[in-house]
Amino acid sequence: MFDKADLVVIARVVVSKDTDERSMLGPFHVIGVSTEYKTHLTLKGDKSVATFRLHHYRLASESEKETIANGPNLIRFSFEHSAFLLFLIREPDGSYAPITGQEDPAIYSVLELRGSAD
């Protein structure tokens, strides 16, 4: 993943908002999300990138979050100030996407770092 990524960073969420994009991931209806991150440490890529946008998805139905089995493992924000380790590729519009695709980014490409250190 590291070798194929355009950007590998540790970053925190600044703001996240839904886009007008509606799609399907397998049998699941999803909504496009644009999340802005603030970079804290660049491990690979342009070190001048202070903030960036991540293009990802969330489930369209709140009820599906609790009832699906073996569904996509999408990005969720469990703590307000969580840091993430992100392995990303640059999209043509300048935003970034998970290097391993949109199906299971929370398992492979966008990893929440949990700990007491800020």
Protein backbone atom coordinates (compact mmCIF):
# COMPACT_ATOMS: atom_id res chain seq x y z
CA MET A 1 0.00 0.00 0.00
CA PHE A 2 2.76 2.42 0.92
CA ASP A 3 4.51 2.03 -2.42
CA LYS A 4 1.32 2.56 -4.45
CA ALA A 5 0.01 5.50 -2.40
CA ASP A 6 0.39 9.10 -3.58
CA LEU A 7 -0.04 10.39 -0.01
CA VAL A 8 0.50 8.68 3.35
CA VAL A 9 -0.27 10.90 6.32
CA ILE A 10 -1.39 11.09 9.89
CA ALA A 11 -4.22 13.61 9.96
CA ARG A 12 -7.30 14.77 11.89
CA VAL A 13 -10.80 15.51 10.61
CA VAL A 14 -11.67 19.19 10.20
CA VAL A 15 -15.14 18.91 8.65
CA SER A 16 -17.17 16.26 6.89
CA LYS A 17 -20.19 16.80 4.64
CA ASP A 18 -22.37 14.80 2.30
CA THR A 19 -22.14 15.43 -1.43
CA ASP A 20 -24.90 15.08 -4.03
CA GLU A 21 -23.41 11.74 -5.12
CA ARG A 22 -25.59 8.64 -4.69
CA SER A 23 -24.28 5.22 -5.61
CA MET A 24 -24.21 1.52 -4.79
CA LEU A 25 -21.49 -0.52 -3.10
CA GLY A 26 -22.62 -4.06 -3.80
CA PRO A 27 -26.26 -4.22 -2.66
CA PHE A 28 -25.96 -1.17 -0.39
CA HIS A 29 -27.11 2.36 -1.19
CA VAL A 30 -24.42 4.87 -0.26
CA ILE A 31 -24.01 8.64 -0.17
CA GLY A 32 -20.82 10.39 -1.21
CA VAL A 33 -18.95 12.21 1.53
CA SER A 34 -16.22 14.85 1.33
CA THR A 35 -14.12 15.05 4.48
CA GLU A 36 -11.45 17.67 5.00
CA TYR A 37 -8.43 16.60 7.03
CA LYS A 38 -5.60 18.60 8.57
CA THR A 39 -2.22 16.95 8.05
CA HIS A 40 -0.07 16.43 11.13
CA LEU A 41 2.66 14.21 9.69
CA THR A 42 3.44 13.36 6.07
CA LEU A 43 5.10 9.98 5.65
CA LYS A 44 4.96 9.98 1.84
CA GLY A 45 3.97 12.58 -0.72
CA ASP A 46 3.89 16.35 -0.96
CA LYS A 47 4.95 17.68 2.44
CA SER A 48 3.36 21.07 1.69
CA VAL A 49 -0.16 19.53 1.82
CA ALA A 50 -1.53 21.09 5.03
CA THR A 51 -5.15 20.10 4.39
CA PHE A 52 -6.79 17.76 1.89
CA ARG A 53 -10.21 16.41 0.93
CA LEU A 54 -10.99 12.71 1.13
CA HIS A 55 -13.74 11.31 -1.11
CA HIS A 56 -15.52 8.36 0.53
CA TYR A 57 -18.99 6.97 1.25
CA ARG A 58 -21.42 6.38 4.07
CA LEU A 59 -24.46 4.12 4.14
CA ALA A 60 -27.62 5.91 3.01
CA SER A 61 -29.77 4.14 5.59
CA GLU A 62 -29.08 4.61 9.29
CA SER A 63 -30.84 1.31 10.03
CA GLU A 64 -28.45 -0.61 7.76
CA LYS A 65 -25.51 0.43 9.94
CA GLU A 66 -26.87 -1.75 12.74
CA THR A 67 -28.37 -4.63 10.77
CA ILE A 68 -26.00 -5.56 7.94
CA ALA A 69 -23.69 -8.52 8.20
CA ASN A 70 -20.54 -8.71 6.11
CA GLY A 71 -21.20 -5.35 4.51
CA PRO A 72 -18.71 -2.67 3.54
CA ASN A 73 -16.47 -1.37 6.31
CA LEU A 74 -16.85 2.35 5.68
CA ILE A 75 -15.11 5.24 7.41
CA ARG A 76 -16.73 6.30 10.68
CA PHE A 77 -15.67 8.96 13.12
CA SER A 78 -15.98 7.57 16.65
CA PHE A 79 -14.07 10.29 18.48
CA GLU A 80 -14.26 14.02 17.82
CA HIS A 81 -10.50 14.55 17.65
CA SER A 82 -9.29 11.16 16.45
CA ALA A 83 -6.17 10.93 14.35
CA PHE A 84 -6.07 8.71 11.28
CA LEU A 85 -3.32 7.00 9.33
CA LEU A 86 -4.35 7.36 5.67
CA PHE A 87 -3.00 5.64 2.54
CA LEU A 88 -4.41 7.64 -0.37
CA ILE A 89 -4.39 8.08 -4.12
CA ARG A 90 -4.99 11.41 -5.81
CA GLU A 91 -8.16 11.68 -7.90
CA PRO A 92 -8.39 13.76 -11.11
CA ASP A 93 -10.34 16.53 -9.30
CA GLY A 94 -7.54 17.00 -6.73
CA SER A 95 -9.24 15.20 -3.87
CA TYR A 96 -7.95 11.90 -2.51
CA ALA A 97 -9.48 8.42 -2.20
CA PRO A 98 -8.53 5.32 -0.19
CA ILE A 99 -5.74 3.40 -1.95
CA THR A 100 -7.55 0.07 -1.51
CA GLY A 101 -10.87 1.35 -2.89
CA GLN A 102 -14.19 2.37 -1.41
CA GLU A 103 -15.43 -1.09 -0.36
CA ASP A 104 -13.53 -1.48 2.95
CA PRO A 105 -11.42 1.63 3.53
CA ALA A 106 -11.72 1.47 7.33
CA ILE A 107 -9.92 -1.88 7.35
CA TYR A 108 -7.01 -1.08 5.06
CA SER A 109 -6.60 2.55 3.96
CA VAL A 110 -8.08 4.89 6.57
CA LEU A 111 -7.09 3.65 10.00
CA GLU A 112 -8.25 5.38 13.16
CA LEU A 113 -5.41 5.77 15.64
CA ARG A 114 -6.55 5.33 19.20
CA GLY A 115 -4.46 6.37 22.15
CA SER A 116 -3.90 9.05 24.72
CA ALA A 117 -1.19 10.98 22.90
CA ASP A 118 -2.26 14.14 21.03
